[in-house]
Amino acid sequence: MLAWIVALGAVIAAGVLGWWWWQARQLLADQQRELTLTREGLLNVVDDGLLILDSEQRIRFANSVAEALLGQNLIGNKLAAVIYHTELEALLQDAHIVRGEGVERRIEFGKYILHARAIVLRDGETVFVALTLRDVTEIQRLERARREMVSNISHELSTPITAIGLLADTLLNSAIKEKPKKTRKMAADIRREVDTLTQLVQEMRDLSLIESGQMPVRLTPTNLFCVVQASVEPLLPLAENKSQVIQVVVPENISVLADNLQIQRAIKNIVHNAVKFSPEQSQIVVSARVNGDEAIIAVKDEGPGIPSDDLPRIFERFFQVDRARRSGTGLGLAIVRHIVMAHGGHVWVESKEGQGATFYIALVLAESPVPAS
């Protein structure tokens, strides 16, 4: 009798366990289906074509937008067999170099102009690349129209600027010989305005080229100390005229992925602003530190600072904090922002009115250190 009871209990327990196991399996299956539907819905609702590539650049996943751009039955094919482009190959190589930071590039593919973005994903030893392709053909057409307008305006301005400059130089030379103060001042004012217009035209051209990707950024391991030194040196005479001191506090062992000349220009623009707006006998400090996989460059000045309402707009083109002063073109910081963005970095500012300002540039660290020279 006892054996029957034990056997019956075992059967009931087995049935209960089996029922629990079946219920758990059904719940997991339902959750898996829900996750699959959610994932597929999210990946197919975006406007970008999405490809997941393995370490051999074989396509493991493609959403419907990617299939509309590149054709059907993409999965299993190598990327080069579907779309081959030297710029795309360079983009994927750069994505592996910057270690998890997304890199972007525009490429032409048939009738399309695509904005490509690649980021490396790691799962232990397994490496995947997520590649997004956005059709920007129409946007590019509009940008081309805008660039042409800027180019036309620049061309139209160049001729009268040159003529005014020659007239101003003639007037100034004549005034120096005859020494009438009023004429000298008028000639000097004309010369200053011509220089401002010339700078404006050049910076409009440069900003248009940077935004359109026509001024390429070549990322190579670069010693940060050397870059900062090369950026600061041309500004030392300007600082000395105001009895200012530019102090460089940058370790010599930090290397970043950067285009040497472009990032020099960005740092120089910020330091030049610091010299221009800081009072005489003040100090400007250019420093750098490592934060995770980034190098943070800081330029601290003792100038008038920036009102809190103006901080969100400081990197907009043509925006100037002091509208009445009319110093500069208002494009310098916009150029800085676009150069840094092209490096896969970011730029920001911290300031309190009356207490100076500190501008920051964050750049991706290089895996291979470059010694200072």
Protein backbone atom coordinates (compact mmCIF):
# COMPACT_ATOMS: atom_id res chain seq x y z
CA MET A 1 0.00 0.00 0.00
CA LEU A 2 2.81 2.38 0.94
CA ALA A 3 4.56 1.60 -2.35
CA TRP A 4 1.40 2.54 -4.27
CA ILE A 5 1.16 5.84 -2.40
CA VAL A 6 4.82 6.62 -3.09
CA ALA A 7 4.39 5.73 -6.77
CA LEU A 8 1.25 7.86 -7.04
CA GLY A 9 3.05 10.79 -5.37
CA ALA A 10 5.95 10.43 -7.81
CA VAL A 11 3.56 10.43 -10.77
CA ILE A 12 1.78 13.54 -9.47
CA ALA A 13 5.09 15.31 -8.80
CA ALA A 14 6.34 14.39 -12.26
CA GLY A 15 3.10 15.71 -13.76
CA VAL A 16 3.35 18.99 -11.84
CA LEU A 17 7.00 19.41 -12.82
CA GLY A 18 6.15 18.62 -16.42
CA TRP A 19 3.33 21.15 -16.38
CA TRP A 20 5.65 23.82 -14.89
CA TRP A 21 8.30 23.01 -17.49
CA TRP A 22 5.76 23.26 -20.34
CA GLN A 23 4.42 26.56 -18.98
CA ALA A 24 7.94 27.98 -18.62
CA ARG A 25 8.79 26.84 -22.15
CA GLN A 26 5.65 28.48 -23.52
CA LEU A 27 6.41 31.70 -21.64
CA LEU A 28 9.98 31.78 -22.98
CA ALA A 29 8.74 31.06 -26.50
CA ASP A 30 6.17 33.87 -26.24
CA GLN A 31 8.81 36.28 -24.92
CA GLN A 32 11.19 35.24 -27.71
CA ARG A 33 8.50 35.82 -30.35
CA GLU A 34 7.68 39.20 -28.81
CA LEU A 35 11.35 40.22 -28.75
CA THR A 36 11.81 39.05 -32.36
CA LEU A 37 8.75 41.00 -33.53
CA THR A 38 9.87 44.10 -31.60
CA ARG A 39 13.40 43.88 -32.98
CA GLU A 40 12.24 43.37 -36.55
CA GLY A 41 9.68 46.15 -36.21
CA LEU A 42 12.26 48.60 -34.88
CA LEU A 43 14.89 47.68 -37.48
CA ASN A 44 12.44 47.92 -40.38
CA VAL A 45 10.70 51.13 -39.31
CA VAL A 46 13.92 53.24 -39.41
CA ASP A 47 14.73 55.21 -42.54
CA ASP A 48 18.33 53.95 -42.68
CA GLY A 49 19.42 50.78 -44.38
CA LEU A 50 21.01 48.54 -41.71
CA LEU A 51 23.54 45.78 -42.33
CA ILE A 52 25.23 43.60 -39.71
CA LEU A 53 28.57 42.23 -40.92
CA ASP A 54 30.74 39.53 -39.40
CA SER A 55 34.54 39.63 -39.16
CA GLU A 56 34.82 38.56 -42.82
CA GLN A 57 32.44 41.34 -43.93
CA ARG A 58 29.74 38.77 -44.70
CA ILE A 59 26.19 40.12 -44.30
CA ARG A 60 24.43 38.49 -41.34
CA PHE A 61 21.38 40.77 -41.24
CA ALA A 62 19.78 43.31 -43.59
CA ASN A 63 16.60 45.28 -42.99
CA SER A 64 14.03 46.12 -45.68
CA VAL A 65 15.51 49.58 -46.36
CA ALA A 66 18.92 48.03 -47.08
CA GLU A 67 17.28 45.55 -49.45
CA ALA A 68 15.49 48.40 -51.25
CA LEU A 69 18.85 50.15 -51.74
CA LEU A 70 21.09 47.18 -52.53
CA GLY A 71 18.76 44.42 -53.74
CA GLN A 72 17.10 41.34 -52.30
CA ASN A 73 18.70 38.23 -50.76
CA LEU A 74 21.65 40.06 -49.19
CA ILE A 75 22.19 37.72 -46.24
CA GLY A 76 25.18 35.42 -46.71
CA ASN A 77 26.85 37.58 -49.36
CA LYS A 78 30.05 39.49 -48.77
CA LEU A 79 29.62 43.25 -48.66
CA ALA A 80 32.08 43.81 -51.52
CA ALA A 81 29.93 41.59 -53.78
CA VAL A 82 26.87 43.76 -53.08
CA ILE A 83 28.37 47.23 -52.94
CA TYR A 84 32.05 47.90 -53.57
CA HIS A 85 33.46 51.36 -52.97
CA THR A 86 36.95 52.39 -51.87
CA GLU A 87 35.54 55.03 -49.50
CA LEU A 88 33.32 52.38 -47.89
CA GLU A 89 36.33 50.10 -47.42
CA ALA A 90 38.21 53.00 -45.80
CA LEU A 91 35.20 53.68 -43.55
CA LEU A 92 35.15 50.09 -42.26
CA GLN A 93 38.91 50.22 -41.64
CA ASP A 94 38.54 53.47 -39.67
CA ALA A 95 35.70 51.92 -37.63
CA HIS A 96 38.07 49.17 -36.45
CA ILE A 97 40.77 51.76 -35.63
CA VAL A 98 38.62 54.00 -33.39
CA ARG A 99 37.43 51.10 -31.19
CA GLY A 100 33.69 51.41 -30.79
CA GLU A 101 33.33 55.03 -31.91
CA GLY A 102 31.07 55.50 -34.92
CA VAL A 103 32.69 56.89 -38.06
CA GLU A 104 30.82 58.46 -40.97
CA ARG A 105 31.39 59.16 -44.65
CA ARG A 106 29.39 60.05 -47.73
CA ILE A 107 29.71 57.84 -50.81
CA GLU A 108 28.21 57.77 -54.28
CA PHE A 109 26.57 54.49 -55.31
CA GLY A 110 24.90 54.46 -58.69
CA LYS A 111 22.15 57.08 -58.68
CA TYR A 112 22.31 57.36 -54.89
CA ILE A 113 24.39 59.47 -52.56
CA LEU A 114 24.59 57.58 -49.28
CA HIS A 115 25.59 58.74 -45.82
CA ALA A 116 27.37 55.70 -44.38
CA ARG A 117 28.06 55.15 -40.67
CA ALA A 118 29.91 52.16 -39.22
CA ILE A 119 30.51 51.04 -35.66
CA VAL A 120 32.31 47.94 -34.39
CA LEU A 121 30.42 45.73 -31.91
CA ARG A 122 32.20 43.14 -29.80
CA ASP A 123 30.75 40.09 -28.05
CA GLY A 124 33.74 38.55 -26.32
CA GLU A 125 36.08 37.46 -29.09
CA THR A 126 33.39 37.82 -31.77
CA VAL A 127 33.44 41.03 -33.78
CA PHE A 128 30.52 42.46 -35.75
CA VAL A 129 30.15 45.71 -37.67
CA ALA A 130 26.87 47.63 -37.78
CA LEU A 131 26.69 49.61 -41.03
CA THR A 132 23.90 52.09 -41.71
CA LEU A 133 23.25 53.61 -45.13
CA ARG A 134 21.03 56.67 -45.45
CA ASP A 135 19.84 57.97 -48.82
CA VAL A 136 20.79 61.65 -48.81
CA THR A 137 20.53 62.21 -52.55
CA GLU A 138 17.92 64.95 -52.27
CA ILE A 139 19.58 66.53 -49.26
CA GLN A 140 22.88 66.50 -51.14
CA ARG A 141 21.22 68.22 -54.10
CA LEU A 142 19.97 70.97 -51.82
CA GLU A 143 23.39 71.23 -50.16
CA ARG A 144 25.01 71.49 -53.59
CA ALA A 145 22.64 74.34 -54.46
CA ARG A 146 23.55 76.06 -51.21
CA ARG A 147 27.28 75.56 -51.80
CA GLU A 148 26.95 76.95 -55.30
CA MET A 149 25.18 79.98 -53.88
CA VAL A 150 27.97 80.47 -51.32
CA SER A 151 30.57 80.01 -54.05
CA ASN A 152 28.83 82.53 -56.30
CA ILE A 153 28.52 85.05 -53.48
CA SER A 154 32.18 84.53 -52.57
CA HIS A 155 33.22 85.01 -56.19
CA GLU A 156 31.11 88.13 -56.60
CA LEU A 157 32.51 89.59 -53.38
CA SER A 158 36.13 88.79 -54.22
CA THR A 159 36.43 91.24 -57.12
CA PRO A 160 35.17 94.37 -55.32
CA ILE A 161 37.10 93.40 -52.20
CA THR A 162 40.33 93.22 -54.21
CA ALA A 163 39.58 96.55 -55.87
CA ILE A 164 38.77 98.25 -52.57
CA GLY A 165 41.92 96.81 -51.04
CA LEU A 166 44.12 98.22 -53.82
CA LEU A 167 42.45 101.61 -53.55
CA ALA A 168 42.88 101.56 -49.77
CA ASP A 169 46.57 100.70 -50.07
CA THR A 170 47.06 103.53 -52.60
CA LEU A 171 45.22 105.97 -50.37
CA LEU A 172 47.15 104.79 -47.30
CA ASN A 173 50.53 105.18 -49.02
CA SER A 174 49.56 108.63 -50.20
CA ALA A 175 48.39 109.55 -46.72
CA ILE A 176 51.66 108.39 -45.17
CA LYS A 177 53.62 110.73 -47.44
CA GLU A 178 51.36 113.74 -46.92
CA LYS A 179 50.53 112.78 -43.30
CA PRO A 180 46.99 114.13 -43.01
CA LYS A 181 45.54 112.30 -39.99
CA LYS A 182 41.97 112.13 -41.27
CA THR A 183 42.96 110.59 -44.61
CA ARG A 184 45.20 108.05 -42.87
CA LYS A 185 42.38 107.02 -40.57
CA MET A 186 39.93 106.64 -43.46
CA ALA A 187 42.40 104.50 -45.40
CA ALA A 188 43.12 102.35 -42.34
CA ASP A 189 39.37 101.85 -41.76
CA ILE A 190 38.90 100.77 -45.39
CA ARG A 191 41.83 98.35 -45.10
CA ARG A 192 40.39 96.84 -41.90
CA GLU A 193 36.94 96.32 -43.44
CA VAL A 194 38.50 94.72 -46.52
CA ASP A 195 40.45 92.31 -44.31
CA THR A 196 37.25 91.43 -42.47
CA LEU A 197 35.38 90.76 -45.73
CA THR A 198 38.29 88.70 -47.06
CA GLN A 199 38.31 86.58 -43.92
CA LEU A 200 34.53 86.19 -44.08
CA VAL A 201 34.63 84.97 -47.69
CA GLN A 202 37.42 82.48 -46.93
CA GLU A 203 35.71 81.11 -43.83
CA MET A 204 32.40 80.76 -45.68
CA ARG A 205 34.19 78.71 -48.32
CA ASP A 206 36.00 76.59 -45.74
CA LEU A 207 32.85 75.92 -43.69
CA SER A 208 30.98 74.89 -46.83
CA LEU A 209 33.79 72.47 -47.77
CA ILE A 210 33.98 70.98 -44.27
CA GLU A 211 30.21 70.46 -44.03
CA SER A 212 30.02 68.85 -47.47
CA GLY A 213 32.93 66.49 -46.81
CA GLN A 214 34.98 68.02 -49.63
CA MET A 215 37.70 68.94 -47.14
CA PRO A 216 38.63 65.37 -46.13
CA VAL A 217 39.75 64.52 -42.61
CA ARG A 218 42.47 61.85 -42.51
CA LEU A 219 42.69 60.30 -39.06
CA THR A 220 46.19 59.21 -38.12
CA PRO A 221 47.90 58.70 -34.73
CA THR A 222 49.12 62.17 -33.74
CA ASN A 223 51.04 63.42 -30.73
CA LEU A 224 48.77 65.90 -28.93
CA PHE A 225 51.57 67.96 -27.37
CA CYS A 226 53.05 68.67 -30.81
CA VAL A 227 49.64 69.65 -32.19
CA VAL A 228 48.96 72.08 -29.34
CA GLN A 229 52.44 73.62 -29.58
CA ALA A 230 52.05 74.15 -33.32
CA SER A 231 48.63 75.74 -32.73
CA VAL A 232 49.81 78.13 -30.02
CA GLU A 233 53.16 79.32 -31.46
CA PRO A 234 51.72 81.61 -34.19
CA LEU A 235 49.61 83.38 -31.54
CA LEU A 236 52.46 84.16 -29.12
CA PRO A 237 53.33 87.57 -30.69
CA LEU A 238 49.65 88.58 -30.47
CA ALA A 239 49.58 87.59 -26.80
CA GLU A 240 52.87 89.39 -26.08
CA ASN A 241 51.39 92.61 -27.50
CA LYS A 242 48.81 92.41 -24.70
CA SER A 243 51.34 91.24 -22.08
CA GLN A 244 49.47 87.94 -21.87
CA VAL A 245 50.94 84.53 -21.02
CA ILE A 246 49.84 81.36 -22.84
CA GLN A 247 50.67 78.37 -20.66
CA VAL A 248 50.68 74.89 -22.25
CA VAL A 249 50.12 72.03 -19.81
CA VAL A 250 49.87 68.99 -22.07
CA PRO A 251 51.58 65.65 -21.31
CA GLU A 252 53.94 64.53 -24.05
CA ASN A 253 52.69 60.92 -24.03
CA ILE A 254 49.10 61.50 -25.24
CA SER A 255 48.35 60.46 -28.81
CA VAL A 256 45.02 61.01 -30.58
CA LEU A 257 43.46 60.09 -33.90
CA ALA A 258 43.48 63.38 -35.78
CA ASP A 259 44.12 65.24 -38.98
CA ASN A 260 47.11 67.32 -37.91
CA LEU A 261 46.39 70.50 -39.86
CA GLN A 262 42.62 70.46 -39.29
CA ILE A 263 42.80 69.97 -35.54
CA GLN A 264 45.53 72.62 -35.33
CA ARG A 265 43.09 75.02 -36.94
CA ALA A 266 40.36 74.18 -34.42
CA ILE A 267 42.65 74.67 -31.40
CA LYS A 268 44.12 77.83 -32.91
CA ASN A 269 40.64 79.35 -33.41
CA ILE A 270 39.78 78.81 -29.75
CA VAL A 271 43.12 80.10 -28.42
CA HIS A 272 42.91 83.12 -30.75
CA ASN A 273 39.50 83.98 -29.28
CA ALA A 274 40.94 83.62 -25.78
CA VAL A 275 43.75 86.06 -26.62
CA LYS A 276 41.38 88.49 -28.33
CA PHE A 277 38.79 88.66 -25.56
CA SER A 278 41.03 88.34 -22.49
CA PRO A 279 42.33 91.53 -20.84
CA GLU A 280 45.95 92.62 -20.87
CA GLN A 281 48.36 90.89 -18.45
CA SER A 282 46.05 87.87 -18.17
CA GLN A 283 46.84 84.16 -18.47
CA ILE A 284 45.50 81.59 -20.93
CA VAL A 285 45.99 77.93 -20.04
CA VAL A 286 45.87 75.15 -22.65
CA SER A 287 45.79 71.77 -20.94
CA ALA A 288 44.94 68.15 -21.75
CA ARG A 289 44.04 65.00 -19.86
CA VAL A 290 42.91 61.46 -20.61
CA ASN A 291 39.33 60.45 -19.80
CA GLY A 292 38.56 56.82 -20.65
CA ASP A 293 39.25 56.38 -24.37
CA GLU A 294 39.28 60.13 -25.05
CA ALA A 295 41.71 63.00 -24.69
CA ILE A 296 40.13 66.20 -23.37
CA ILE A 297 41.76 69.47 -24.45
CA ALA A 298 40.83 72.54 -22.38
CA VAL A 299 41.46 76.20 -23.20
CA LYS A 300 40.81 78.41 -20.16
CA ASP A 301 40.83 82.21 -20.38
CA GLU A 302 40.23 85.17 -18.05
CA GLY A 303 37.95 87.05 -20.41
CA PRO A 304 34.47 88.50 -19.81
CA GLY A 305 32.79 85.10 -19.91
CA ILE A 306 29.63 84.11 -21.77
CA PRO A 307 26.05 84.80 -20.55
CA SER A 308 24.18 81.60 -19.73
CA ASP A 309 21.49 82.38 -22.35
CA ASP A 310 24.16 82.49 -25.07
CA LEU A 311 25.96 79.24 -24.18
CA PRO A 312 23.68 76.93 -26.25
CA ARG A 313 24.23 79.10 -29.36
CA ILE A 314 27.94 79.81 -29.08
CA PHE A 315 28.89 77.34 -31.86
CA GLU A 316 26.25 78.58 -34.32
CA ARG A 317 27.48 80.27 -37.49
CA PHE A 318 27.47 84.09 -37.43
CA PHE A 319 26.56 84.11 -33.72
CA GLN A 320 28.47 86.65 -31.64
CA VAL A 321 28.02 87.27 -27.92
CA ASP A 322 28.71 91.00 -28.21
CA ARG A 323 26.73 92.05 -31.30
CA ALA A 324 27.84 95.67 -30.98
CA ARG A 325 31.59 94.95 -31.04
CA ARG A 326 31.63 93.41 -34.57
CA SER A 327 34.95 91.64 -33.96
CA GLY A 328 35.52 88.66 -36.20
CA THR A 329 33.19 86.95 -38.65
CA GLY A 330 31.15 84.79 -36.28
CA LEU A 331 32.24 81.63 -38.14
CA GLY A 332 35.34 80.61 -36.17
CA LEU A 333 33.60 78.48 -33.56
CA ALA A 334 31.22 76.98 -36.14
CA ILE A 335 34.32 75.81 -38.04
CA VAL A 336 35.76 74.38 -34.80
CA ARG A 337 32.56 72.41 -34.16
CA HIS A 338 32.45 70.89 -37.65
CA ILE A 339 36.15 69.99 -37.62
CA VAL A 340 35.82 68.24 -34.26
CA MET A 341 32.64 66.43 -35.36
CA ALA A 342 34.45 65.22 -38.48
CA HIS A 343 37.03 63.68 -36.09
CA GLY A 344 34.29 61.75 -34.27
CA GLY A 345 34.77 64.02 -31.24
CA HIS A 346 32.72 66.69 -29.51
CA VAL A 347 33.22 70.26 -28.31
CA TRP A 348 31.58 72.27 -25.54
CA VAL A 349 32.10 75.32 -23.34
CA GLU A 350 31.69 76.13 -19.65
CA SER A 351 31.48 79.75 -18.56
CA LYS A 352 30.00 82.21 -16.10
CA GLU A 353 29.59 85.81 -17.10
CA GLY A 354 32.47 87.86 -15.72
CA GLN A 355 34.52 84.78 -14.78
CA GLY A 356 36.14 83.74 -18.05
CA ALA A 357 35.39 80.68 -20.16
CA THR A 358 36.81 77.20 -20.73
CA PHE A 359 36.40 75.52 -24.12
CA TYR A 360 36.78 71.74 -24.36
CA ILE A 361 37.59 69.47 -27.30
CA ALA A 362 37.30 65.68 -26.90
CA LEU A 363 39.20 63.46 -29.35
CA VAL A 364 39.54 59.68 -29.61
CA LEU A 365 42.81 58.27 -28.27
CA ALA A 366 45.11 56.45 -30.69
CA GLU A 367 46.10 52.86 -29.96
CA SER A 368 49.66 53.46 -31.16
CA PRO A 369 51.51 56.18 -29.19
CA VAL A 370 53.43 58.79 -31.17
CA PRO A 371 56.49 60.35 -29.46
CA ALA A 372 56.78 64.13 -29.26
CA SER A 373 59.26 65.55 -31.74
